[in-house]
């Protein structure tokens, strides 16, 4: 997970990982609904929060020079899963 502390510190360190930015990053979005339920929220609120964080992360990727981002959000196999 990216935190403001980690990303801001890295920008100012010349020998940091910032010198080795990957060309392609893939993200698997999983657990936003479960996160919301554990916090007493509706599943859709978890998905909305996850989408907001995703925008922040992808924006940072662009700022850092990541050229390609792959997002995996949903498998059609999920339609066959039990509701609970």
N, C-alpha and C. Protein backbone atom coordinates (compact mmCIF):
# COMPACT_ATOMS: atom_id res chain seq x y z
N UNK A 1 0.83 -1.17 0.00
CA UNK A 1 0.00 0.00 0.00
C UNK A 1 0.88 1.24 0.00
N UNK A 2 0.47 2.24 -0.73
CA UNK A 2 1.21 3.49 -0.79
C UNK A 2 0.65 4.44 0.25
N UNK A 3 1.52 5.02 1.05
CA UNK A 3 1.07 6.03 2.00
C UNK A 3 1.71 7.36 1.64
N UNK A 4 1.13 8.45 2.09
CA UNK A 4 1.70 9.76 1.82
C UNK A 4 3.11 9.86 2.36
N UNK A 5 3.34 9.28 3.53
CA UNK A 5 4.67 9.34 4.15
C UNK A 5 5.71 8.68 3.24
N UNK A 6 5.41 7.49 2.76
CA UNK A 6 6.36 6.75 1.92
C UNK A 6 6.63 7.47 0.62
N UNK A 7 5.60 7.95 -0.07
CA UNK A 7 5.79 8.55 -1.38
C UNK A 7 6.48 9.89 -1.28
N UNK A 8 6.12 10.70 -0.30
CA UNK A 8 6.76 12.01 -0.17
C UNK A 8 8.22 11.89 0.20
N UNK A 9 8.57 10.94 1.05
CA UNK A 9 9.96 10.76 1.45
C UNK A 9 10.80 10.30 0.27
N UNK A 10 10.26 9.44 -0.57
CA UNK A 10 11.01 8.89 -1.69
C UNK A 10 11.38 9.94 -2.72
N UNK A 11 10.54 10.93 -2.91
CA UNK A 11 10.78 11.95 -3.93
C UNK A 11 12.07 12.70 -3.65
N UNK A 12 12.43 12.87 -2.39
CA UNK A 12 13.57 13.68 -2.01
C UNK A 12 14.86 12.87 -1.79
N UNK A 13 14.83 11.60 -2.05
CA UNK A 13 16.00 10.76 -1.85
C UNK A 13 16.56 10.34 -3.20
N UNK A 14 17.72 10.88 -3.60
CA UNK A 14 18.24 10.60 -4.94
C UNK A 14 18.54 9.14 -5.22
N UNK A 15 18.93 8.36 -4.23
CA UNK A 15 19.27 6.96 -4.46
C UNK A 15 18.12 6.04 -4.06
N UNK A 16 16.93 6.54 -4.06
CA UNK A 16 15.78 5.76 -3.62
C UNK A 16 15.25 4.89 -4.74
N UNK A 17 14.16 4.20 -4.43
CA UNK A 17 13.50 3.36 -5.42
C UNK A 17 12.93 4.17 -6.57
N UNK A 18 12.81 5.48 -6.40
CA UNK A 18 12.27 6.33 -7.46
C UNK A 18 13.11 6.24 -8.72
N UNK A 19 14.36 5.85 -8.59
CA UNK A 19 15.23 5.70 -9.76
C UNK A 19 14.96 4.40 -10.50
N UNK A 20 14.09 3.56 -9.96
CA UNK A 20 13.79 2.27 -10.58
C UNK A 20 12.29 2.09 -10.75
N UNK A 21 11.65 3.05 -11.36
CA UNK A 21 10.20 2.99 -11.56
C UNK A 21 9.88 1.92 -12.61
N UNK A 22 8.93 1.04 -12.32
CA UNK A 22 8.56 0.02 -13.32
C UNK A 22 7.82 0.66 -14.49
N UNK A 23 7.91 0.02 -15.63
CA UNK A 23 7.20 0.48 -16.82
C UNK A 23 5.72 0.10 -16.72
N UNK A 24 5.44 -1.05 -16.13
CA UNK A 24 4.07 -1.58 -16.07
C UNK A 24 3.76 -2.02 -14.64
N UNK A 25 2.60 -1.60 -14.14
CA UNK A 25 2.14 -2.02 -12.83
C UNK A 25 0.74 -2.61 -12.99
N UNK A 26 0.49 -3.74 -12.36
CA UNK A 26 -0.84 -4.37 -12.38
C UNK A 26 -1.42 -4.36 -10.97
N UNK A 27 -2.69 -4.04 -10.87
CA UNK A 27 -3.39 -4.02 -9.59
C UNK A 27 -4.59 -4.94 -9.64
N UNK A 28 -4.77 -5.72 -8.59
CA UNK A 28 -5.96 -6.55 -8.45
C UNK A 28 -6.80 -5.92 -7.35
N UNK A 29 -7.96 -5.42 -7.73
CA UNK A 29 -8.83 -4.76 -6.75
C UNK A 29 -9.70 -5.83 -6.11
N UNK A 30 -9.50 -6.03 -4.83
CA UNK A 30 -10.21 -7.10 -4.13
C UNK A 30 -10.44 -6.68 -2.69
N UNK A 31 -11.61 -6.96 -2.18
CA UNK A 31 -11.87 -6.78 -0.76
C UNK A 31 -12.52 -5.46 -0.37
N UNK A 32 -12.86 -4.60 -1.32
CA UNK A 32 -13.48 -3.33 -0.96
C UNK A 32 -14.84 -3.53 -0.29
N UNK A 33 -15.62 -4.47 -0.81
CA UNK A 33 -16.92 -4.76 -0.20
C UNK A 33 -16.77 -5.33 1.19
N UNK A 34 -15.84 -6.27 1.37
CA UNK A 34 -15.61 -6.86 2.69
C UNK A 34 -15.11 -5.81 3.67
N UNK A 35 -14.24 -4.90 3.21
CA UNK A 35 -13.73 -3.81 4.04
C UNK A 35 -14.90 -2.97 4.56
N UNK A 36 -15.83 -2.63 3.67
CA UNK A 36 -16.97 -1.80 4.06
C UNK A 36 -17.85 -2.52 5.08
N UNK A 37 -18.14 -3.78 4.84
CA UNK A 37 -18.98 -4.56 5.77
C UNK A 37 -18.35 -4.59 7.15
N UNK A 38 -17.04 -4.82 7.24
CA UNK A 38 -16.34 -4.85 8.54
C UNK A 38 -16.44 -3.52 9.26
N UNK A 39 -16.57 -2.42 8.51
CA UNK A 39 -16.68 -1.09 9.09
C UNK A 39 -18.13 -0.67 9.31
N UNK A 40 -19.06 -1.60 9.05
CA UNK A 40 -20.47 -1.30 9.24
C UNK A 40 -21.07 -0.45 8.13
N UNK A 41 -20.44 -0.45 6.97
CA UNK A 41 -20.91 0.32 5.82
C UNK A 41 -21.54 -0.59 4.78
N UNK A 42 -22.22 -0.01 3.85
CA UNK A 42 -22.78 -0.74 2.72
C UNK A 42 -21.64 -1.14 1.77
N UNK A 43 -21.77 -2.29 1.13
CA UNK A 43 -20.74 -2.75 0.19
C UNK A 43 -20.43 -1.70 -0.88
N UNK A 44 -21.47 -1.02 -1.35
CA UNK A 44 -21.27 -0.02 -2.40
C UNK A 44 -20.39 1.13 -1.92
N UNK A 45 -20.45 1.43 -0.62
CA UNK A 45 -19.57 2.47 -0.07
C UNK A 45 -18.11 2.01 -0.11
N UNK A 46 -17.89 0.74 0.09
CA UNK A 46 -16.53 0.20 -0.02
C UNK A 46 -16.01 0.30 -1.43
N UNK A 47 -16.88 0.01 -2.39
CA UNK A 47 -16.47 0.12 -3.79
C UNK A 47 -16.20 1.57 -4.17
N UNK A 48 -17.01 2.49 -3.68
CA UNK A 48 -16.78 3.92 -3.96
C UNK A 48 -15.47 4.39 -3.34
N UNK A 49 -15.20 3.95 -2.11
CA UNK A 49 -13.95 4.34 -1.44
C UNK A 49 -12.75 3.75 -2.20
N UNK A 50 -12.88 2.51 -2.61
CA UNK A 50 -11.80 1.88 -3.38
C UNK A 50 -11.55 2.60 -4.69
N UNK A 51 -12.61 3.03 -5.37
CA UNK A 51 -12.46 3.76 -6.63
C UNK A 51 -11.75 5.09 -6.41
N UNK A 52 -12.08 5.75 -5.31
CA UNK A 52 -11.42 7.02 -4.99
C UNK A 52 -9.93 6.81 -4.75
N UNK A 53 -9.58 5.80 -3.98
CA UNK A 53 -8.17 5.50 -3.72
C UNK A 53 -7.45 5.08 -4.99
N UNK A 54 -8.16 4.34 -5.84
CA UNK A 54 -7.57 3.91 -7.10
C UNK A 54 -7.18 5.12 -7.95
N UNK A 55 -8.05 6.13 -8.00
CA UNK A 55 -7.73 7.35 -8.75
C UNK A 55 -6.46 8.00 -8.21
N UNK A 56 -6.34 8.06 -6.89
CA UNK A 56 -5.15 8.65 -6.27
C UNK A 56 -3.89 7.88 -6.68
N UNK A 57 -3.97 6.57 -6.60
CA UNK A 57 -2.81 5.72 -6.90
C UNK A 57 -2.42 5.83 -8.37
N UNK A 58 -3.40 5.76 -9.26
CA UNK A 58 -3.09 5.83 -10.69
C UNK A 58 -2.53 7.20 -11.04
N UNK A 59 -3.01 8.25 -10.40
CA UNK A 59 -2.45 9.59 -10.61
C UNK A 59 -0.99 9.62 -10.21
N UNK A 60 -0.66 9.03 -9.07
CA UNK A 60 0.74 8.96 -8.63
C UNK A 60 1.59 8.18 -9.62
N UNK A 61 1.05 7.08 -10.14
CA UNK A 61 1.79 6.32 -11.15
C UNK A 61 2.17 7.23 -12.31
N UNK A 62 1.23 8.04 -12.78
CA UNK A 62 1.50 8.96 -13.88
C UNK A 62 2.57 9.97 -13.51
N UNK A 63 2.50 10.50 -12.30
CA UNK A 63 3.50 11.47 -11.84
C UNK A 63 4.88 10.85 -11.79
N UNK A 64 4.95 9.59 -11.44
CA UNK A 64 6.24 8.91 -11.31
C UNK A 64 6.77 8.36 -12.62
N UNK A 65 5.95 8.36 -13.66
CA UNK A 65 6.41 7.91 -14.96
C UNK A 65 6.07 6.48 -15.32
N UNK A 66 5.17 5.84 -14.57
CA UNK A 66 4.71 4.50 -14.95
C UNK A 66 3.93 4.65 -16.25
N UNK A 67 4.30 3.87 -17.27
CA UNK A 67 3.68 4.03 -18.58
C UNK A 67 2.42 3.20 -18.76
N UNK A 68 2.35 2.03 -18.13
CA UNK A 68 1.21 1.13 -18.32
C UNK A 68 0.68 0.65 -16.98
N UNK A 69 -0.64 0.65 -16.86
CA UNK A 69 -1.31 0.16 -15.65
C UNK A 69 -2.40 -0.81 -16.08
N UNK A 70 -2.39 -2.00 -15.50
CA UNK A 70 -3.44 -2.98 -15.74
C UNK A 70 -4.27 -3.09 -14.47
N UNK A 71 -5.59 -3.00 -14.62
CA UNK A 71 -6.50 -3.10 -13.49
C UNK A 71 -7.38 -4.32 -13.67
N UNK A 72 -7.38 -5.18 -12.67
CA UNK A 72 -8.25 -6.36 -12.69
C UNK A 72 -9.30 -6.13 -11.62
N UNK A 73 -10.55 -5.98 -12.04
CA UNK A 73 -11.59 -5.59 -11.09
C UNK A 73 -12.62 -6.67 -10.82
N UNK A 74 -12.90 -7.52 -11.81
CA UNK A 74 -14.02 -8.43 -11.63
C UNK A 74 -13.86 -9.63 -12.55
N UNK A 75 -14.17 -10.78 -12.03
CA UNK A 75 -14.18 -12.00 -12.83
C UNK A 75 -15.63 -12.42 -13.05
N UNK A 76 -15.93 -12.87 -14.24
CA UNK A 76 -17.30 -13.35 -14.51
C UNK A 76 -17.63 -14.55 -13.61
N UNK A 77 -16.62 -15.22 -13.08
CA UNK A 77 -16.86 -16.32 -12.14
C UNK A 77 -17.56 -15.82 -10.87
N UNK A 78 -17.41 -14.53 -10.57
CA UNK A 78 -18.05 -13.98 -9.37
C UNK A 78 -19.57 -14.03 -9.46
N UNK A 79 -20.14 -14.03 -10.66
CA UNK A 79 -21.59 -14.11 -10.80
C UNK A 79 -22.13 -15.42 -10.23
N UNK A 80 -21.32 -16.47 -10.22
CA UNK A 80 -21.76 -17.78 -9.75
C UNK A 80 -21.51 -17.99 -8.25
N UNK A 81 -20.84 -17.04 -7.60
CA UNK A 81 -20.54 -17.18 -6.17
C UNK A 81 -21.79 -17.02 -5.32
N UNK A 82 -21.83 -17.70 -4.17
CA UNK A 82 -22.95 -17.50 -3.25
C UNK A 82 -22.97 -16.04 -2.75
N UNK A 83 -24.14 -15.54 -2.39
CA UNK A 83 -24.29 -14.16 -1.92
C UNK A 83 -23.46 -13.87 -0.67
N UNK A 84 -23.35 -14.81 0.23
CA UNK A 84 -22.63 -14.56 1.49
C UNK A 84 -21.22 -14.90 1.32
